[in-house]
Amino acid sequence: MEVAQTFDANRPTVKAALLLLAIAILLDIVGLCTVSARINFSSNSAFYIRMAQDGTTSVEPPFRYRALAPFVAHLLPLPADQALVLVSHVSLVGCLFLAMLICRRIGLSIHACVFGATALFCSRAFTYNYVNPYMTDGVALLAIFVMVYAYIGEQETLFGVAAVVGVLAHEITVFLVPAMLFTRRWKRGLVICAISALVFLLTRFWLGAGYAGSLKKEFLFISFHLAHPLDWLKAVVLTCYLLWPLFVMGVAMLPAKRLPLLVCTGLLSAGAVFLSLFVLDTERTYSILAPVVAVGVATVFESLWKERGIKAMGLWTVVLAEIASAQAYRTGTKDLRLLVLCSVPAMAYIVYAFGACFAKIREGLGIHAAAVRQFVAGFSTE
């Protein structure tokens, strides 16, 4: 009863929800107008466009397993590439909207919700979806957002439906499915995991095997990363750039629903690190952290906002640094003066924010440890 009352208190009104949806749509329009989508399709993009035109079996594994987005695009009365763009942008609007709803669900203010979504929107990891909107990543990312939203709200059915939809969009969503095992209703979690695994396996059975033959390329990527660890680390850092320290600080002092968000953070982080070893476009893999990154940076904003609004406004320097970082990455420019100009004040303010939030961070870490111990103790007695 107490949990339900908490959710009712944090549930946005219709007016507030419409405002947040309008902000999500506005951000997406900004991305559509300011970020140029690539003209020459990459090999991956070409596969999905062909699937939208000619059907799932027209391409090789593993692309044919990610059938949901191309199938929806095939149903639209648009050329295949434009249909995939539409599917991606609708999904991205949903992601930004849910980022704010998740922040609101754990008790953050509207101001913090908007900041978290905006900061996420400006990151390189999220911007990739505007650079290459012909992929299935947007739909899979939306499924992850729904799963996180449902998980912290203890909505097992919604979580299970989103998990199945996510598996049909892209296999990256499987990393979050085991989250249901870290609840007191873990038996239901086992059912959801089993259904998701069954869907995962059946799609490969119905659509044909053959992915094992291409694993050699993925292991070559691992060899490349092991030979160039600093390049891999640099790519990881740049995916969220200066949002990383805010994310860590925010997770350390989460205001509510600590254990569920800690579970999501741990599973998605492990999945992102694992997947990034097999690819060169690192920002794609770390985009799965988007829900918890938005919550983390919004939590820092909220902490400063409660002390004094003007203190929180300084965090917008971090957003400017994210914009400069993403722009430098997209254009490949050698002139990094704008990036440095934006990054120096942002870094200084992050140091200030850490000092201002240090007591809450230390207190939050203690509460986290107690919550984990309580869960383990309760789980062991069942």
Protein backbone atom coordinates (compact mmCIF):
# COMPACT_ATOMS: atom_id res chain seq x y z
CA MET A 1 0.00 0.00 0.00
CA GLU A 2 2.83 2.40 0.87
CA VAL A 3 4.59 1.74 -2.44
CA ALA A 4 1.39 2.32 -4.39
CA GLN A 5 0.81 5.61 -2.55
CA THR A 6 4.35 6.70 -3.37
CA PHE A 7 3.80 6.00 -7.06
CA ASP A 8 0.49 7.90 -6.99
CA ALA A 9 2.23 10.90 -5.46
CA ASN A 10 4.96 10.86 -8.09
CA ARG A 11 2.67 10.15 -11.05
CA PRO A 12 2.54 13.25 -13.29
CA THR A 13 -0.79 14.89 -13.95
CA VAL A 14 -2.21 14.83 -17.47
CA LYS A 15 -1.04 18.41 -17.96
CA ALA A 16 2.48 17.58 -16.75
CA ALA A 17 2.62 14.42 -18.88
CA LEU A 18 1.60 16.39 -21.97
CA LEU A 19 4.26 18.97 -21.17
CA LEU A 20 6.93 16.27 -20.89
CA LEU A 21 5.75 14.67 -24.14
CA ALA A 22 5.92 18.06 -25.88
CA ILE A 23 9.48 18.52 -24.63
CA ALA A 24 10.41 15.05 -25.92
CA ILE A 25 8.93 15.87 -29.35
CA LEU A 26 10.72 19.23 -29.38
CA LEU A 27 14.07 17.61 -28.59
CA ASP A 28 13.54 15.09 -31.38
CA ILE A 29 12.70 17.86 -33.85
CA VAL A 30 15.90 19.65 -32.83
CA GLY A 31 17.85 16.44 -33.47
CA LEU A 32 16.14 15.91 -36.82
CA CYS A 33 16.94 19.46 -37.94
CA THR A 34 20.48 19.80 -36.62
CA VAL A 35 21.98 16.34 -37.05
CA SER A 36 22.43 15.22 -40.65
CA ALA A 37 21.59 11.57 -41.23
CA ARG A 38 24.20 9.72 -43.26
CA ILE A 39 23.50 9.52 -46.98
CA ASN A 40 25.65 6.53 -47.88
CA PHE A 41 24.21 3.57 -46.00
CA SER A 42 26.61 1.40 -44.06
CA SER A 43 26.52 -2.34 -44.50
CA ASN A 44 24.25 -2.73 -41.45
CA SER A 45 21.87 -0.01 -42.63
CA ALA A 46 21.67 -1.57 -46.06
CA PHE A 47 20.60 -4.88 -44.54
CA TYR A 48 17.72 -3.34 -42.62
CA ILE A 49 16.57 -1.31 -45.62
CA ARG A 50 16.56 -4.47 -47.71
CA MET A 51 14.56 -6.26 -45.01
CA ALA A 52 11.99 -3.46 -45.05
CA GLN A 53 11.76 -3.81 -48.82
CA ASP A 54 12.01 -7.53 -49.46
CA GLY A 55 11.31 -9.28 -46.17
CA THR A 56 13.26 -10.83 -43.34
CA THR A 57 14.80 -13.75 -45.22
CA SER A 58 16.41 -11.46 -47.80
CA VAL A 59 19.44 -10.86 -45.55
CA GLU A 60 21.86 -13.00 -43.62
CA PRO A 61 22.03 -13.60 -39.85
CA PRO A 62 22.20 -11.90 -37.38
CA PHE A 63 20.37 -9.05 -39.12
CA ARG A 64 17.36 -11.16 -40.04
CA TYR A 65 16.73 -11.88 -36.36
CA ARG A 66 16.13 -8.15 -35.70
CA ALA A 67 12.92 -8.26 -37.64
CA LEU A 68 10.52 -6.01 -35.74
CA ALA A 69 11.60 -2.53 -36.91
CA PRO A 70 11.95 -3.53 -40.61
CA PHE A 71 8.58 -5.30 -40.42
CA VAL A 72 6.86 -2.18 -39.08
CA ALA A 73 8.66 -0.06 -41.69
CA HIS A 74 7.45 -2.46 -44.42
CA LEU A 75 3.85 -1.76 -43.39
CA LEU A 76 4.22 2.00 -43.79
CA PRO A 77 3.35 3.68 -47.12
CA LEU A 78 6.84 5.13 -47.45
CA PRO A 79 10.13 4.17 -49.13
CA ALA A 80 12.03 1.72 -46.95
CA ASP A 81 14.72 4.16 -45.81
CA GLN A 82 12.20 6.89 -44.93
CA ALA A 83 9.99 4.38 -43.12
CA LEU A 84 12.90 3.26 -40.95
CA VAL A 85 13.70 6.90 -40.17
CA LEU A 86 10.10 7.43 -39.05
CA VAL A 87 10.16 4.31 -36.87
CA SER A 88 13.43 5.42 -35.28
CA HIS A 89 12.25 8.94 -34.52
CA VAL A 90 8.98 7.80 -32.99
CA SER A 91 11.01 5.40 -30.83
CA LEU A 92 13.42 8.17 -29.80
CA VAL A 93 10.54 10.43 -28.78
CA GLY A 94 9.29 7.56 -26.63
CA CYS A 95 12.76 7.13 -25.10
CA LEU A 96 13.06 10.81 -24.13
CA PHE A 97 9.50 10.85 -22.79
CA LEU A 98 10.09 7.72 -20.71
CA ALA A 99 13.41 9.11 -19.45
CA MET A 100 11.44 11.94 -17.86
CA LEU A 101 8.67 9.63 -16.62
CA ILE A 102 11.25 7.36 -14.95
CA CYS A 103 12.82 10.36 -13.21
CA ARG A 104 9.37 11.51 -12.14
CA ARG A 105 8.46 8.03 -10.90
CA ILE A 106 11.32 8.06 -8.40
CA GLY A 107 10.29 11.48 -7.11
CA LEU A 108 12.44 13.96 -9.04
CA SER A 109 11.08 17.39 -9.96
CA ILE A 110 9.99 18.41 -13.44
CA HIS A 111 13.10 20.60 -13.74
CA ALA A 112 15.36 17.63 -13.01
CA CYS A 113 13.40 15.40 -15.40
CA VAL A 114 13.87 17.87 -18.25
CA PHE A 115 17.56 18.28 -17.47
CA GLY A 116 18.15 14.52 -17.42
CA ALA A 117 16.43 13.99 -20.77
CA THR A 118 18.16 16.98 -22.38
CA ALA A 119 21.60 15.92 -21.17
CA LEU A 120 20.98 12.40 -22.48
CA PHE A 121 19.76 13.77 -25.81
CA CYS A 122 23.01 15.73 -26.27
CA SER A 123 25.32 12.77 -25.57
CA ARG A 124 27.22 11.05 -28.35
CA ALA A 125 25.69 7.68 -27.40
CA PHE A 126 22.18 9.02 -28.06
CA THR A 127 23.13 11.25 -31.00
CA TYR A 128 24.24 8.19 -32.96
CA ASN A 129 20.59 7.31 -33.50
CA TYR A 130 20.14 10.59 -35.39
CA VAL A 131 23.28 10.07 -37.45
CA ASN A 132 22.16 6.58 -38.47
CA PRO A 133 18.37 6.28 -38.08
CA TYR A 134 18.16 3.28 -40.43
CA MET A 135 19.01 0.79 -37.70
CA THR A 136 16.86 -1.14 -35.24
CA ASP A 137 18.57 0.44 -32.23
CA GLY A 138 15.83 2.99 -31.57
CA VAL A 139 13.12 0.36 -31.11
CA ALA A 140 15.37 -1.78 -28.92
CA LEU A 141 16.30 1.25 -26.83
CA LEU A 142 12.62 2.11 -26.37
CA ALA A 143 12.01 -1.45 -25.13
CA ILE A 144 14.79 -1.02 -22.56
CA PHE A 145 13.26 2.24 -21.35
CA VAL A 146 9.88 0.55 -20.93
CA MET A 147 11.52 -2.34 -19.08
CA VAL A 148 13.23 0.02 -16.62
CA TYR A 149 10.02 2.01 -16.13
CA ALA A 150 8.03 -1.18 -15.51
CA TYR A 151 10.71 -2.70 -13.28
CA ILE A 152 10.87 0.16 -10.79
CA GLY A 153 7.05 0.21 -10.79
CA GLU A 154 6.83 -3.55 -10.12
CA GLN A 155 4.77 -4.10 -13.27
CA GLU A 156 5.85 -7.60 -14.26
CA THR A 157 3.45 -8.00 -17.19
CA LEU A 158 4.55 -4.77 -18.85
CA PHE A 159 8.18 -5.71 -18.23
CA GLY A 160 7.66 -9.12 -19.85
CA VAL A 161 5.89 -7.70 -22.92
CA ALA A 162 8.64 -5.10 -23.39
CA ALA A 163 11.29 -7.81 -23.01
CA VAL A 164 9.74 -9.93 -25.76
CA VAL A 165 9.33 -6.92 -28.04
CA GLY A 166 12.92 -5.95 -27.34
CA VAL A 167 14.24 -9.40 -28.24
CA LEU A 168 12.43 -9.15 -31.59
CA ALA A 169 14.02 -5.75 -32.20
CA HIS A 170 17.61 -6.42 -31.14
CA GLU A 171 19.28 -8.94 -28.86
CA ILE A 172 20.91 -6.22 -26.72
CA THR A 173 17.78 -6.10 -24.58
CA VAL A 174 18.46 -9.57 -23.13
CA PHE A 175 20.95 -8.12 -20.65
CA LEU A 176 18.16 -6.45 -18.69
CA VAL A 177 15.79 -9.44 -18.62
CA PRO A 178 17.48 -11.10 -15.57
CA ALA A 179 16.56 -8.03 -13.50
CA MET A 180 13.30 -9.79 -12.62
CA LEU A 181 15.30 -12.37 -10.69
CA PHE A 182 16.39 -9.67 -8.22
CA THR A 183 12.93 -9.19 -6.77
CA ARG A 184 10.95 -10.93 -4.07
CA ARG A 185 8.72 -12.29 -6.82
CA TRP A 186 11.65 -13.97 -8.52
CA LYS A 187 9.53 -16.98 -9.51
CA ARG A 188 7.60 -14.74 -11.88
CA GLY A 189 10.96 -13.50 -13.03
CA LEU A 190 11.96 -17.02 -13.97
CA VAL A 191 8.85 -17.29 -16.15
CA ILE A 192 9.65 -13.99 -17.89
CA CYS A 193 13.26 -15.07 -18.44
CA ALA A 194 12.10 -18.40 -19.86
CA ILE A 195 9.63 -16.78 -22.25
CA SER A 196 12.22 -14.25 -23.44
CA ALA A 197 14.79 -17.02 -23.95
CA LEU A 198 12.22 -19.07 -25.87
CA VAL A 199 11.43 -16.15 -28.19
CA PHE A 200 15.15 -15.54 -28.64
CA LEU A 201 15.76 -19.18 -29.64
CA LEU A 202 12.63 -19.62 -31.77
CA THR A 203 13.45 -16.62 -33.95
CA ARG A 204 16.79 -18.19 -34.72
CA PHE A 205 15.14 -21.54 -35.43
CA TRP A 206 12.43 -20.14 -37.70
CA LEU A 207 14.62 -17.60 -39.49
CA GLY A 208 17.55 -19.94 -39.96
CA ALA A 209 20.87 -20.39 -38.25
CA GLY A 210 24.20 -19.28 -39.60
CA TYR A 211 25.48 -16.59 -37.26
CA ALA A 212 28.26 -18.81 -35.96
CA GLY A 213 30.07 -18.41 -39.26
CA SER A 214 30.51 -14.67 -38.72
CA LEU A 215 31.79 -14.89 -35.16
CA LYS A 216 35.36 -14.77 -36.43
CA LYS A 217 34.96 -11.08 -37.26
CA GLU A 218 33.73 -10.29 -33.74
CA PHE A 219 36.72 -12.03 -32.19
CA LEU A 220 38.99 -10.02 -34.47
CA PHE A 221 37.47 -6.92 -32.90
CA ILE A 222 38.36 -8.26 -29.45
CA SER A 223 41.93 -8.76 -30.58
CA PHE A 224 42.00 -5.20 -31.90
CA HIS A 225 40.72 -3.78 -28.60
CA LEU A 226 43.19 -5.84 -26.58
CA ALA A 227 46.00 -4.54 -28.77
CA HIS A 228 44.80 -0.94 -28.41
CA PRO A 229 43.27 -0.70 -24.90
CA LEU A 230 43.69 3.08 -24.65
CA ASP A 231 41.78 3.60 -27.90
CA TRP A 232 38.97 1.41 -26.57
CA LEU A 233 38.92 3.31 -23.27
CA LYS A 234 38.88 6.64 -25.11
CA ALA A 235 35.91 5.52 -27.20
CA VAL A 236 34.05 4.44 -24.07
CA VAL A 237 34.71 7.75 -22.29
CA LEU A 238 33.55 9.81 -25.26
CA THR A 239 30.20 8.00 -25.53
CA CYS A 240 28.86 10.05 -22.62
CA TYR A 241 31.86 12.32 -22.03
CA LEU A 242 31.24 14.53 -18.98
CA LEU A 243 27.96 12.82 -18.15
CA TRP A 244 29.92 9.87 -16.77
CA PRO A 245 30.97 11.56 -13.49
CA LEU A 246 27.47 13.01 -13.02
CA PHE A 247 26.00 9.57 -13.67
CA VAL A 248 28.20 7.93 -11.04
CA MET A 249 27.45 10.68 -8.51
CA GLY A 250 23.73 10.47 -9.19
CA VAL A 251 23.54 6.69 -8.86
CA ALA A 252 25.40 6.92 -5.56
CA MET A 253 22.65 9.12 -4.07
CA LEU A 254 19.48 7.86 -5.75
CA PRO A 255 16.43 9.32 -3.96
CA ALA A 256 14.07 6.33 -4.18
CA LYS A 257 13.69 2.80 -5.57
CA ARG A 258 17.40 2.35 -4.99
CA LEU A 259 17.77 -1.40 -5.36
CA PRO A 260 15.80 -1.70 -8.64
CA LEU A 261 17.80 1.11 -10.24
CA LEU A 262 21.06 -0.34 -8.92
CA VAL A 263 20.14 -3.69 -10.49
CA CYS A 264 19.35 -2.01 -13.82
CA THR A 265 22.60 -0.05 -13.68
CA GLY A 266 24.67 -3.15 -12.95
CA LEU A 267 23.11 -5.34 -15.64
CA LEU A 268 23.15 -2.67 -18.35
CA SER A 269 26.73 -1.66 -17.50
CA ALA A 270 27.93 -5.26 -17.69
CA GLY A 271 26.11 -5.72 -21.00
CA ALA A 272 27.56 -2.52 -22.46
CA VAL A 273 31.14 -3.39 -21.49
CA PHE A 274 30.77 -6.92 -22.84
CA LEU A 275 29.26 -5.84 -26.16
CA SER A 276 31.75 -3.02 -26.69
CA LEU A 277 34.52 -5.60 -26.97
CA PHE A 278 32.90 -7.03 -30.11
CA VAL A 279 32.27 -3.83 -32.08
CA LEU A 280 34.01 -0.68 -33.25
CA ASP A 281 30.99 1.67 -33.01
CA THR A 282 31.21 1.81 -29.23
CA GLU A 283 28.54 4.47 -28.79
CA ARG A 284 25.87 2.01 -29.95
CA THR A 285 26.57 -0.44 -27.16
CA TYR A 286 26.70 2.18 -24.39
CA SER A 287 23.40 3.66 -25.51
CA ILE A 288 21.68 0.87 -23.56
CA LEU A 289 22.71 2.73 -20.40
CA ALA A 290 20.55 5.68 -21.47
CA PRO A 291 17.73 5.19 -18.90
CA VAL A 292 20.02 5.06 -15.89
CA VAL A 293 22.32 7.79 -17.22
CA ALA A 294 19.32 10.13 -17.48
CA VAL A 295 18.29 9.26 -13.91
CA GLY A 296 21.82 9.73 -12.58
CA VAL A 297 22.45 13.18 -14.03
CA ALA A 298 18.90 14.28 -13.12
CA THR A 299 19.53 13.23 -9.51
CA VAL A 300 22.60 15.48 -9.26
CA PHE A 301 20.59 18.35 -10.72
CA GLU A 302 17.81 17.71 -8.20
CA SER A 303 20.21 17.71 -5.27
CA LEU A 304 21.64 21.10 -6.23
CA TRP A 305 18.19 22.46 -7.15
CA LYS A 306 16.84 21.72 -3.67
CA GLU A 307 19.68 23.66 -2.08
CA ARG A 308 19.34 26.63 -4.40
CA GLY A 309 18.08 26.77 -7.97
CA ILE A 310 20.99 28.85 -9.23
CA LYS A 311 23.43 26.13 -8.16
CA ALA A 312 21.76 23.57 -10.43
CA MET A 313 21.75 25.92 -13.43
CA GLY A 314 25.52 25.68 -13.63
CA LEU A 315 25.16 22.05 -14.73
CA TRP A 316 23.96 23.29 -18.12
CA THR A 317 27.66 23.91 -18.84
CA VAL A 318 27.96 20.11 -18.96
CA VAL A 319 25.21 19.97 -21.59
CA LEU A 320 27.10 22.54 -23.69
CA ALA A 321 30.23 20.39 -23.40
CA GLU A 322 28.24 17.35 -24.55
CA ILE A 323 27.01 19.29 -27.58
CA ALA A 324 30.56 20.36 -28.44
CA SER A 325 31.84 16.81 -27.99
CA ALA A 326 29.15 15.29 -30.21
CA GLN A 327 29.71 17.98 -32.85
CA ALA A 328 33.47 17.37 -32.88
CA TYR A 329 32.83 13.64 -33.28
CA ARG A 330 30.30 14.06 -36.12
CA THR A 331 32.30 16.57 -38.14
CA GLY A 332 35.70 15.05 -37.53
CA THR A 333 37.07 18.55 -37.05
CA LYS A 334 40.69 19.06 -36.03
CA ASP A 335 39.89 22.38 -34.37
CA LEU A 336 38.99 21.45 -30.82
CA ARG A 337 38.95 24.99 -29.41
CA LEU A 338 35.16 24.99 -29.00
CA LEU A 339 35.31 21.65 -27.18
CA VAL A 340 38.00 22.93 -24.80
CA LEU A 341 36.16 26.22 -24.29
CA CYS A 342 33.00 24.36 -23.26
CA SER A 343 34.73 21.58 -21.32
CA VAL A 344 36.83 23.67 -18.92
CA PRO A 345 33.92 25.38 -17.10
CA ALA A 346 31.93 22.14 -17.20
CA MET A 347 34.75 20.19 -15.53
CA ALA A 348 35.17 22.91 -12.93
CA TYR A 349 31.47 22.80 -12.13
CA ILE A 350 31.49 19.02 -11.88
CA VAL A 351 34.20 19.34 -9.22
CA TYR A 352 32.04 21.89 -7.41
CA ALA A 353 28.97 19.63 -7.69
CA PHE A 354 30.93 16.72 -6.23
CA GLY A 355 31.94 18.83 -3.24
CA ALA A 356 28.39 20.09 -2.77
CA CYS A 357 26.93 16.58 -2.97
CA PHE A 358 29.71 14.69 -1.18
CA ALA A 359 27.78 14.24 2.07
CA LYS A 360 24.73 12.92 0.21
CA ILE A 361 26.91 10.63 -1.89
CA ARG A 362 28.50 9.11 1.20
CA GLU A 363 25.11 8.75 2.88
CA GLY A 364 23.62 7.23 -0.28
CA LEU A 365 26.38 4.63 -0.54
CA GLY A 366 25.65 3.55 3.02
CA ILE A 367 21.94 3.27 2.24
CA HIS A 368 22.75 1.27 -0.90
CA ALA A 369 24.82 -1.20 1.09
CA ALA A 370 22.05 -1.58 3.67
CA ALA A 371 19.43 -2.09 0.94
CA VAL A 372 21.52 -4.82 -0.67
CA ARG A 373 22.07 -6.57 2.65
CA GLN A 374 18.37 -6.38 3.44
CA PHE A 375 17.46 -7.87 0.07
CA VAL A 376 19.97 -10.70 0.44
CA ALA A 377 18.75 -11.45 3.95
CA GLY A 378 15.11 -11.42 2.88
CA PHE A 379 15.84 -13.55 -0.18
CA SER A 380 17.75 -16.16 1.83
CA THR A 381 14.89 -16.60 4.31
CA GLU A 382 12.34 -17.46 1.58
